[in-house]
N, C-alpha and C. Protein backbone atom coordinates (compact mmCIF):
# COMPACT_ATOMS: atom_id res chain seq x y z
N UNK A 1 -4.09 -4.78 -12.53
CA UNK A 1 -4.43 -4.07 -11.32
C UNK A 1 -3.43 -4.38 -10.22
N UNK A 2 -3.16 -3.39 -9.41
CA UNK A 2 -2.29 -3.54 -8.26
C UNK A 2 -3.16 -3.32 -7.03
N UNK A 3 -3.51 -4.42 -6.37
CA UNK A 3 -4.40 -4.37 -5.20
C UNK A 3 -3.59 -4.26 -3.92
N UNK A 4 -3.89 -3.27 -3.12
CA UNK A 4 -3.18 -3.05 -1.87
C UNK A 4 -4.07 -3.36 -0.68
N UNK A 5 -3.46 -3.98 0.32
CA UNK A 5 -4.09 -4.15 1.62
C UNK A 5 -3.29 -3.30 2.60
N UNK A 6 -3.94 -2.34 3.22
CA UNK A 6 -3.26 -1.47 4.18
C UNK A 6 -3.47 -2.01 5.58
N UNK A 7 -2.38 -2.15 6.31
CA UNK A 7 -2.43 -2.65 7.68
C UNK A 7 -1.95 -1.53 8.60
N UNK A 8 -2.83 -1.10 9.48
CA UNK A 8 -2.53 -0.03 10.43
C UNK A 8 -2.25 -0.69 11.78
N UNK A 9 -0.98 -0.73 12.19
CA UNK A 9 -0.60 -1.39 13.44
C UNK A 9 -0.29 -0.32 14.48
N UNK A 10 -1.18 -0.17 15.44
CA UNK A 10 -1.02 0.85 16.47
C UNK A 10 -2.07 1.93 16.32
N UNK A 11 -1.78 3.07 16.92
CA UNK A 11 -2.74 4.18 16.97
C UNK A 11 -2.50 5.14 15.79
N UNK A 12 -3.50 5.26 14.93
CA UNK A 12 -3.43 6.19 13.81
C UNK A 12 -4.67 7.07 13.83
N UNK A 13 -4.47 8.34 13.62
CA UNK A 13 -5.60 9.26 13.55
C UNK A 13 -6.21 9.27 12.16
N UNK A 14 -7.39 9.82 12.08
CA UNK A 14 -8.09 9.91 10.80
C UNK A 14 -7.27 10.69 9.77
N UNK A 15 -6.63 11.78 10.20
CA UNK A 15 -5.84 12.61 9.28
C UNK A 15 -4.66 11.82 8.70
N UNK A 16 -4.02 11.01 9.54
CA UNK A 16 -2.90 10.20 9.06
C UNK A 16 -3.36 9.19 8.02
N UNK A 17 -4.44 8.51 8.30
CA UNK A 17 -4.96 7.52 7.35
C UNK A 17 -5.41 8.19 6.06
N UNK A 18 -6.07 9.33 6.18
CA UNK A 18 -6.54 10.03 4.99
C UNK A 18 -5.38 10.47 4.10
N UNK A 19 -4.28 10.90 4.71
CA UNK A 19 -3.12 11.33 3.94
C UNK A 19 -2.54 10.17 3.14
N UNK A 20 -2.43 9.01 3.76
CA UNK A 20 -1.90 7.83 3.06
C UNK A 20 -2.85 7.41 1.95
N UNK A 21 -4.14 7.37 2.25
CA UNK A 21 -5.12 6.97 1.22
C UNK A 21 -5.12 7.96 0.05
N UNK A 22 -4.96 9.25 0.33
CA UNK A 22 -4.91 10.25 -0.74
C UNK A 22 -3.69 10.01 -1.63
N UNK A 23 -2.57 9.65 -1.02
CA UNK A 23 -1.38 9.34 -1.81
C UNK A 23 -1.65 8.13 -2.71
N UNK A 24 -2.24 7.09 -2.15
CA UNK A 24 -2.53 5.88 -2.93
C UNK A 24 -3.47 6.22 -4.09
N UNK A 25 -4.49 7.02 -3.82
CA UNK A 25 -5.42 7.40 -4.88
C UNK A 25 -4.71 8.18 -5.98
N UNK A 26 -3.70 8.96 -5.63
CA UNK A 26 -2.98 9.74 -6.63
C UNK A 26 -2.14 8.85 -7.54
N UNK A 27 -1.96 7.60 -7.17
CA UNK A 27 -1.17 6.70 -8.00
C UNK A 27 -1.86 6.37 -9.32
N UNK A 28 -3.16 6.48 -9.37
CA UNK A 28 -3.85 6.16 -10.63
C UNK A 28 -4.84 7.23 -11.07
N UNK A 29 -5.03 8.24 -10.29
CA UNK A 29 -5.99 9.30 -10.65
C UNK A 29 -5.35 10.27 -11.62
N UNK A 30 -6.07 10.61 -12.67
CA UNK A 30 -5.57 11.60 -13.60
C UNK A 30 -6.75 12.46 -14.06
N UNK A 31 -6.82 13.67 -13.59
CA UNK A 31 -7.93 14.56 -13.91
C UNK A 31 -7.61 15.46 -15.09
N UNK A 32 -6.63 15.11 -15.89
CA UNK A 32 -6.26 15.94 -17.02
C UNK A 32 -5.20 16.95 -16.63
N UNK A 33 -4.99 17.95 -17.49
CA UNK A 33 -3.95 18.95 -17.22
C UNK A 33 -4.20 19.66 -15.89
N UNK A 34 -3.15 19.79 -15.13
CA UNK A 34 -3.26 20.39 -13.81
C UNK A 34 -1.92 20.98 -13.42
N UNK A 35 -1.95 21.97 -12.56
CA UNK A 35 -0.71 22.53 -12.05
C UNK A 35 -0.15 21.72 -10.90
N UNK A 36 -0.93 20.79 -10.39
CA UNK A 36 -0.47 19.95 -9.30
C UNK A 36 0.12 18.66 -9.86
N UNK A 37 1.27 18.29 -9.34
CA UNK A 37 1.90 17.04 -9.79
C UNK A 37 1.06 15.86 -9.34
N UNK A 38 0.94 14.89 -10.20
CA UNK A 38 0.23 13.66 -9.89
C UNK A 38 1.23 12.51 -9.94
N UNK A 39 1.14 11.62 -8.99
CA UNK A 39 2.00 10.45 -9.02
C UNK A 39 1.67 9.61 -10.25
N UNK A 40 0.46 9.75 -10.76
CA UNK A 40 0.06 8.98 -11.94
C UNK A 40 0.95 9.30 -13.14
N UNK A 41 1.53 10.50 -13.19
CA UNK A 41 2.43 10.80 -14.30
C UNK A 41 3.68 9.92 -14.25
N UNK A 42 4.08 9.52 -13.06
CA UNK A 42 5.20 8.57 -12.93
C UNK A 42 4.82 7.23 -13.54
N UNK A 43 3.58 6.78 -13.30
CA UNK A 43 3.12 5.52 -13.88
C UNK A 43 3.13 5.60 -15.40
N UNK A 44 2.83 6.77 -15.97
CA UNK A 44 2.87 6.91 -17.42
C UNK A 44 4.26 6.58 -17.95
N UNK A 45 5.28 7.01 -17.23
CA UNK A 45 6.66 6.69 -17.63
C UNK A 45 6.90 5.19 -17.54
N UNK A 46 6.45 4.57 -16.46
CA UNK A 46 6.63 3.12 -16.29
C UNK A 46 5.92 2.38 -17.42
N UNK A 47 4.70 2.80 -17.75
CA UNK A 47 3.96 2.15 -18.83
C UNK A 47 4.68 2.31 -20.16
N UNK A 48 5.34 3.44 -20.38
CA UNK A 48 6.07 3.62 -21.64
C UNK A 48 7.24 2.64 -21.73
N UNK A 49 7.86 2.30 -20.60
CA UNK A 49 8.92 1.30 -20.60
C UNK A 49 8.37 -0.06 -21.01
N UNK A 50 7.15 -0.37 -20.57
CA UNK A 50 6.53 -1.64 -20.94
C UNK A 50 6.32 -1.71 -22.45
N UNK A 51 5.93 -0.61 -23.05
CA UNK A 51 5.72 -0.58 -24.50
C UNK A 51 7.03 -0.82 -25.23
N UNK A 52 8.09 -0.12 -24.80
CA UNK A 52 9.40 -0.27 -25.42
C UNK A 52 9.89 -1.71 -25.29
N UNK A 53 9.60 -2.34 -24.16
CA UNK A 53 10.04 -3.72 -23.92
C UNK A 53 9.15 -4.74 -24.63
N UNK A 54 8.13 -4.26 -25.35
CA UNK A 54 7.26 -5.17 -26.07
C UNK A 54 6.24 -5.87 -25.20
N UNK A 55 5.95 -5.32 -24.04
CA UNK A 55 5.01 -5.94 -23.10
C UNK A 55 3.59 -5.40 -23.26
N UNK A 56 3.39 -4.50 -24.23
CA UNK A 56 2.06 -3.94 -24.42
C UNK A 56 1.82 -2.75 -23.51
N UNK A 57 0.71 -2.11 -23.74
CA UNK A 57 0.38 -0.93 -22.96
C UNK A 57 -0.97 -1.11 -22.30
N UNK A 58 -0.96 -1.48 -21.06
CA UNK A 58 -2.20 -1.53 -20.30
C UNK A 58 -1.99 -0.67 -19.06
N UNK A 59 -2.99 0.10 -18.70
CA UNK A 59 -2.82 0.99 -17.55
C UNK A 59 -2.63 0.22 -16.25
N UNK A 60 -1.84 0.79 -15.39
CA UNK A 60 -1.62 0.22 -14.06
C UNK A 60 -2.59 0.91 -13.11
N UNK A 61 -3.52 0.15 -12.57
CA UNK A 61 -4.51 0.70 -11.65
C UNK A 61 -4.19 0.25 -10.23
N UNK A 62 -4.00 1.21 -9.36
CA UNK A 62 -3.68 0.93 -7.96
C UNK A 62 -4.91 1.24 -7.12
N UNK A 63 -5.31 0.28 -6.29
CA UNK A 63 -6.46 0.54 -5.43
C UNK A 63 -6.31 -0.21 -4.11
N UNK A 64 -6.90 0.37 -3.09
CA UNK A 64 -6.94 -0.26 -1.77
C UNK A 64 -8.15 -1.18 -1.76
N UNK A 65 -7.88 -2.48 -1.57
CA UNK A 65 -8.98 -3.44 -1.56
C UNK A 65 -9.39 -3.83 -0.15
N UNK A 66 -8.51 -3.56 0.82
CA UNK A 66 -8.83 -3.93 2.19
C UNK A 66 -7.96 -3.12 3.14
N UNK A 67 -8.52 -2.82 4.32
CA UNK A 67 -7.77 -2.17 5.38
C UNK A 67 -8.02 -2.92 6.68
N UNK A 68 -6.95 -3.11 7.43
CA UNK A 68 -7.04 -3.80 8.71
C UNK A 68 -6.39 -2.90 9.75
N UNK A 69 -7.05 -2.72 10.87
CA UNK A 69 -6.53 -1.88 11.94
C UNK A 69 -6.33 -2.72 13.20
N UNK A 70 -5.14 -2.58 13.80
CA UNK A 70 -4.83 -3.28 15.05
C UNK A 70 -4.32 -2.22 16.04
N UNK A 71 -5.23 -1.45 16.66
CA UNK A 71 -4.81 -0.35 17.53
C UNK A 71 -4.27 -0.79 18.88
N UNK A 72 -4.44 -2.07 19.23
CA UNK A 72 -4.03 -2.53 20.56
C UNK A 72 -2.75 -3.35 20.55
N UNK A 73 -2.01 -3.33 19.44
CA UNK A 73 -0.73 -4.04 19.35
C UNK A 73 -0.88 -5.51 19.74
N UNK A 74 -1.67 -6.25 19.01
CA UNK A 74 -1.99 -7.63 19.38
C UNK A 74 -0.77 -8.53 19.53
N UNK A 75 0.35 -8.18 18.90
CA UNK A 75 1.57 -8.98 19.04
C UNK A 75 2.64 -8.23 19.82
N UNK A 76 2.25 -7.19 20.52
CA UNK A 76 3.22 -6.38 21.25
C UNK A 76 3.66 -5.20 20.41
N UNK A 77 4.36 -4.28 21.04
CA UNK A 77 4.77 -3.07 20.33
C UNK A 77 5.91 -3.30 19.36
N UNK A 78 6.70 -4.33 19.57
CA UNK A 78 7.75 -4.67 18.61
C UNK A 78 7.38 -6.01 18.00
N UNK A 79 7.10 -5.99 16.70
CA UNK A 79 6.65 -7.22 16.04
C UNK A 79 7.80 -7.86 15.28
N UNK A 80 7.70 -9.17 15.10
CA UNK A 80 8.75 -9.95 14.43
C UNK A 80 8.29 -10.38 13.04
N UNK A 81 9.23 -10.86 12.25
CA UNK A 81 8.89 -11.31 10.90
C UNK A 81 7.93 -12.49 10.93
N UNK A 82 8.01 -13.33 11.96
CA UNK A 82 7.06 -14.46 12.06
C UNK A 82 5.63 -13.95 12.19
N UNK A 83 5.43 -12.94 13.02
CA UNK A 83 4.09 -12.38 13.18
C UNK A 83 3.63 -11.71 11.89
N UNK A 84 4.54 -11.02 11.23
CA UNK A 84 4.18 -10.33 9.98
C UNK A 84 3.71 -11.33 8.94
N UNK A 85 4.40 -12.46 8.81
CA UNK A 85 3.99 -13.48 7.84
C UNK A 85 2.59 -13.99 8.15
N UNK A 86 2.31 -14.25 9.41
CA UNK A 86 0.97 -14.71 9.80
C UNK A 86 -0.07 -13.64 9.51
N UNK A 87 0.27 -12.41 9.83
CA UNK A 87 -0.66 -11.30 9.61
C UNK A 87 -0.96 -11.13 8.12
N UNK A 88 0.05 -11.21 7.28
CA UNK A 88 -0.15 -11.03 5.85
C UNK A 88 -1.03 -12.12 5.26
N UNK A 89 -0.82 -13.35 5.69
CA UNK A 89 -1.67 -14.45 5.22
C UNK A 89 -3.12 -14.23 5.63
N UNK A 90 -3.29 -13.75 6.84
CA UNK A 90 -4.64 -13.52 7.36
C UNK A 90 -5.36 -12.40 6.62
N UNK A 91 -4.69 -11.28 6.40
CA UNK A 91 -5.37 -10.12 5.82
C UNK A 91 -5.56 -10.22 4.31
N UNK A 92 -4.74 -10.99 3.62
CA UNK A 92 -4.91 -11.09 2.17
C UNK A 92 -5.91 -12.16 1.78
N UNK A 93 -6.35 -12.97 2.72
CA UNK A 93 -7.31 -14.04 2.43
C UNK A 93 -6.86 -14.91 1.26
N UNK A 94 -5.57 -15.12 1.15
CA UNK A 94 -5.04 -15.98 0.10
C UNK A 94 -4.97 -15.34 -1.27
N UNK A 95 -5.24 -14.04 -1.37
CA UNK A 95 -5.17 -13.34 -2.65
C UNK A 95 -3.71 -13.08 -2.99
N UNK A 96 -3.17 -13.86 -3.92
CA UNK A 96 -1.76 -13.73 -4.27
C UNK A 96 -1.48 -12.46 -5.07
N UNK A 97 -2.51 -11.80 -5.54
CA UNK A 97 -2.33 -10.55 -6.29
C UNK A 97 -2.33 -9.32 -5.39
N UNK A 98 -2.66 -9.50 -4.13
CA UNK A 98 -2.70 -8.35 -3.21
C UNK A 98 -1.31 -8.10 -2.64
N UNK A 99 -0.99 -6.83 -2.50
CA UNK A 99 0.26 -6.43 -1.88
C UNK A 99 -0.10 -5.76 -0.56
N UNK A 100 0.46 -6.27 0.51
CA UNK A 100 0.18 -5.71 1.84
C UNK A 100 1.21 -4.66 2.19
N UNK A 101 0.72 -3.57 2.75
CA UNK A 101 1.59 -2.48 3.19
C UNK A 101 1.32 -2.29 4.68
N UNK A 102 2.36 -2.48 5.49
CA UNK A 102 2.23 -2.42 6.94
C UNK A 102 2.75 -1.09 7.45
N UNK A 103 1.89 -0.38 8.17
CA UNK A 103 2.26 0.88 8.81
C UNK A 103 2.24 0.66 10.31
N UNK A 104 3.32 1.09 10.99
CA UNK A 104 3.33 1.06 12.45
C UNK A 104 3.36 2.51 12.93
N UNK A 105 2.74 2.75 14.07
CA UNK A 105 2.79 4.10 14.61
C UNK A 105 4.15 4.34 15.26
N UNK A 106 4.34 5.52 15.80
CA UNK A 106 5.66 5.86 16.36
C UNK A 106 6.04 5.01 17.57
N UNK A 107 5.06 4.42 18.25
CA UNK A 107 5.36 3.57 19.41
C UNK A 107 5.63 2.13 19.02
N UNK A 108 5.27 1.75 17.82
CA UNK A 108 5.47 0.37 17.36
C UNK A 108 6.78 0.24 16.61
N UNK A 109 7.23 -0.99 16.49
CA UNK A 109 8.46 -1.24 15.77
C UNK A 109 8.49 -2.63 15.19
N UNK A 110 9.48 -2.87 14.35
CA UNK A 110 9.64 -4.18 13.71
C UNK A 110 11.04 -4.67 14.02
N UNK A 111 11.14 -5.94 14.41
CA UNK A 111 12.42 -6.53 14.80
C UNK A 111 12.79 -7.65 13.84
N UNK A 112 14.02 -7.68 13.41
CA UNK A 112 14.60 -8.78 12.63
C UNK A 112 13.79 -9.15 11.39
N UNK A 113 13.72 -8.22 10.46
CA UNK A 113 13.07 -8.53 9.18
C UNK A 113 14.11 -9.19 8.29
N UNK A 114 13.75 -10.37 7.79
CA UNK A 114 14.66 -11.11 6.91
C UNK A 114 14.16 -11.09 5.50
């Protein structure tokens, strides 16, 4: 499983969040034959590489396990890598299997990522 923690830093509308969540859901959703492209078909290719490499074939399941919203820019509108590290530790609750994805709105920014 690929567990994602989504971090919304700044002002995001419901439509923006829904669009991102819909994309994430498409990473593992497969409703059978369809005329609409699914990102899950890309995962099928990745899984086939695992089989060829002798790593076995287990499905990759992507899901959002947690969402954190900071609409008031608690660290200011331009955040630093030090703040990001603290934020990631806080939101993952020590889950080393979770991958955090940080979204900033158009007014927010990130400075000096190392």
